[in-house]
């Protein structure tokens, strides 16, 4: 009898964990959809060619306007051999303490941009990141989503 109760309890816990993970994924997808919608709105209004700081301010405004919790220029400490170093690195935008956004205004993404966002995600312990380049004709060509 005890073995049966243990097996049932284990199965129920595993099912609850799976359901919670699916719920979290759904919430993250909803957040990223809102972020992308806001970024498209900013790009539609401003177009390409401005400084990154202008897009950042406008995107923060739009994200807050749709009810998301937003932090901009959030410090990211570098962890080296269990030592936390404040080296001046900053996340451009953090949404709902979940999605990290790195903004660019470049001709094209290059490997260092991907390395940068993945490193920021690692140090900040965030599993979802969006790399957004506003210096494109169509914003969909300047969007990359990362998951670690």
Protein backbone atom coordinates (compact mmCIF):
# COMPACT_ATOMS: atom_id res chain seq x y z
CA UNK A 1 0.00 0.00 0.00
CA UNK A 2 2.74 2.48 0.94
CA UNK A 3 4.56 1.97 -2.32
CA UNK A 4 1.37 2.73 -4.20
CA UNK A 5 0.85 5.99 -2.26
CA UNK A 6 4.46 6.99 -2.90
CA UNK A 7 4.10 6.29 -6.62
CA UNK A 8 0.82 8.22 -6.78
CA UNK A 9 2.32 11.16 -4.87
CA UNK A 10 5.41 11.18 -7.09
CA UNK A 11 3.23 11.10 -10.23
CA UNK A 12 1.02 13.94 -8.95
CA UNK A 13 4.07 16.08 -8.09
CA UNK A 14 5.60 15.46 -11.52
CA UNK A 15 2.29 16.39 -13.17
CA UNK A 16 2.04 19.62 -11.11
CA UNK A 17 5.62 20.53 -12.05
CA UNK A 18 4.88 19.94 -15.74
CA UNK A 19 1.71 22.04 -15.53
CA UNK A 20 3.60 24.86 -13.79
CA UNK A 21 6.34 24.78 -16.43
CA UNK A 22 3.73 24.96 -19.21
CA UNK A 23 2.02 27.88 -17.43
CA UNK A 24 5.35 29.70 -17.06
CA UNK A 25 6.16 29.13 -20.76
CA UNK A 26 2.74 30.45 -21.73
CA UNK A 27 3.23 33.55 -19.57
CA UNK A 28 6.71 34.15 -21.03
CA UNK A 29 5.32 33.79 -24.56
CA UNK A 30 2.60 36.33 -23.75
CA UNK A 31 5.21 38.74 -22.36
CA UNK A 32 7.48 38.37 -25.39
CA UNK A 33 4.51 38.88 -27.73
CA UNK A 34 3.68 42.15 -25.94
CA UNK A 35 7.33 43.24 -26.09
CA UNK A 36 7.55 42.52 -29.82
CA UNK A 37 4.26 44.34 -30.42
CA UNK A 38 5.58 47.38 -28.55
CA UNK A 39 8.87 47.27 -30.45
CA UNK A 40 6.99 47.15 -33.76
CA UNK A 41 4.92 50.16 -32.68
CA UNK A 42 8.06 52.14 -31.81
CA UNK A 43 9.73 51.18 -35.10
CA UNK A 44 6.58 52.02 -37.06
CA UNK A 45 6.45 55.50 -35.49
CA UNK A 46 10.18 56.33 -35.53
CA UNK A 47 11.63 54.25 -38.36
CA UNK A 48 15.35 53.38 -38.52
CA UNK A 49 18.25 55.78 -38.11
CA UNK A 50 18.04 57.11 -34.55
CA UNK A 51 20.30 56.51 -31.57
CA UNK A 52 19.72 53.44 -29.41
CA UNK A 53 18.82 55.66 -26.44
CA UNK A 54 15.82 57.14 -28.30
CA UNK A 55 14.42 53.69 -29.07
CA UNK A 56 15.05 52.61 -25.48
CA UNK A 57 13.06 55.50 -24.02
CA UNK A 58 10.17 54.97 -26.43
CA UNK A 59 10.11 51.21 -25.93
CA UNK A 60 10.11 51.60 -22.14
CA UNK A 61 7.17 54.02 -22.49
CA UNK A 62 5.23 51.54 -24.66
CA UNK A 63 5.98 48.57 -22.38
CA UNK A 64 4.80 50.46 -19.31
CA UNK A 65 1.77 51.65 -21.25
CA UNK A 66 0.63 48.03 -21.77
CA UNK A 67 1.06 47.33 -18.06
CA UNK A 68 4.41 45.55 -17.96
CA UNK A 69 6.93 46.04 -15.16
CA UNK A 70 10.08 47.47 -16.71
CA UNK A 71 13.60 48.22 -15.49
CA UNK A 72 16.04 50.02 -17.74
CA UNK A 73 19.82 50.10 -17.60
CA UNK A 74 19.83 47.42 -14.88
CA UNK A 75 23.35 46.66 -13.62
CA UNK A 76 24.68 43.16 -14.31
CA UNK A 77 27.54 42.04 -12.09
CA UNK A 78 30.24 39.85 -13.57
CA UNK A 79 30.80 36.67 -11.60
CA UNK A 80 34.40 35.51 -11.63
CA UNK A 81 35.40 32.51 -9.51
CA UNK A 82 32.52 33.19 -7.10
CA UNK A 83 33.49 36.86 -6.83
CA UNK A 84 30.87 39.42 -7.84
CA UNK A 85 32.47 42.28 -9.78
CA UNK A 86 30.69 45.51 -10.65
CA UNK A 87 32.19 46.30 -14.05
CA UNK A 88 29.55 48.69 -15.36
CA UNK A 89 27.68 46.24 -17.60
CA UNK A 90 23.98 46.99 -17.89
CA UNK A 91 20.93 45.27 -19.30
CA UNK A 92 19.18 47.70 -21.62
CA UNK A 93 15.69 46.64 -20.51
CA UNK A 94 14.40 43.94 -18.17
CA UNK A 95 10.69 43.15 -18.42
CA UNK A 96 8.70 41.50 -15.61
CA UNK A 97 12.03 40.41 -14.09
CA UNK A 98 11.95 37.67 -16.73
CA UNK A 99 12.77 38.83 -20.25
CA UNK A 100 16.06 40.54 -20.97
CA UNK A 101 16.12 42.96 -23.92
CA UNK A 102 19.31 44.09 -25.61
CA UNK A 103 18.82 46.93 -28.09
CA UNK A 104 20.98 47.71 -31.09
CA UNK A 105 21.08 50.23 -33.93
CA UNK A 106 23.55 48.50 -36.24
CA UNK A 107 23.72 47.59 -39.93
CA UNK A 108 23.50 43.88 -39.08
CA UNK A 109 23.85 41.56 -36.11
CA UNK A 110 27.25 40.00 -35.69
CA UNK A 111 28.50 37.22 -33.40
CA UNK A 112 29.56 39.64 -30.65
CA UNK A 113 25.94 40.80 -30.25
CA UNK A 114 24.81 37.22 -29.67
CA UNK A 115 27.69 36.62 -27.28
CA UNK A 116 26.76 39.77 -25.37
CA UNK A 117 23.11 38.88 -24.84
CA UNK A 118 23.93 35.26 -23.92
CA UNK A 119 26.51 36.46 -21.39
CA UNK A 120 24.07 38.97 -19.87
CA UNK A 121 21.45 36.21 -19.64
CA UNK A 122 23.93 33.90 -17.93
CA UNK A 123 25.12 36.48 -15.39
CA UNK A 124 21.61 37.72 -14.64
CA UNK A 125 20.19 34.17 -14.53
CA UNK A 126 17.48 34.98 -17.08
CA UNK A 127 16.47 32.27 -19.51
CA UNK A 128 14.76 34.43 -22.16
CA UNK A 129 16.33 37.26 -24.12
CA UNK A 130 15.37 39.41 -27.07
CA UNK A 131 17.96 41.07 -29.27
CA UNK A 132 16.30 43.94 -31.15
CA UNK A 133 17.95 45.95 -33.90
CA UNK A 134 15.98 49.08 -34.80
CA UNK A 135 18.26 49.99 -37.72
CA UNK A 136 16.35 47.84 -40.23
CA UNK A 137 13.61 48.49 -42.77
CA UNK A 138 11.33 45.77 -41.33
CA UNK A 139 11.65 45.13 -37.61
CA UNK A 140 11.02 41.38 -38.04
CA UNK A 141 14.47 41.31 -39.70
CA UNK A 142 15.98 42.84 -36.57
CA UNK A 143 14.53 40.48 -33.97
CA UNK A 144 16.15 37.43 -32.39
CA UNK A 145 14.85 35.45 -29.44
CA UNK A 146 17.21 33.48 -27.19
CA UNK A 147 16.47 30.81 -24.65
CA UNK A 148 19.02 29.17 -22.38
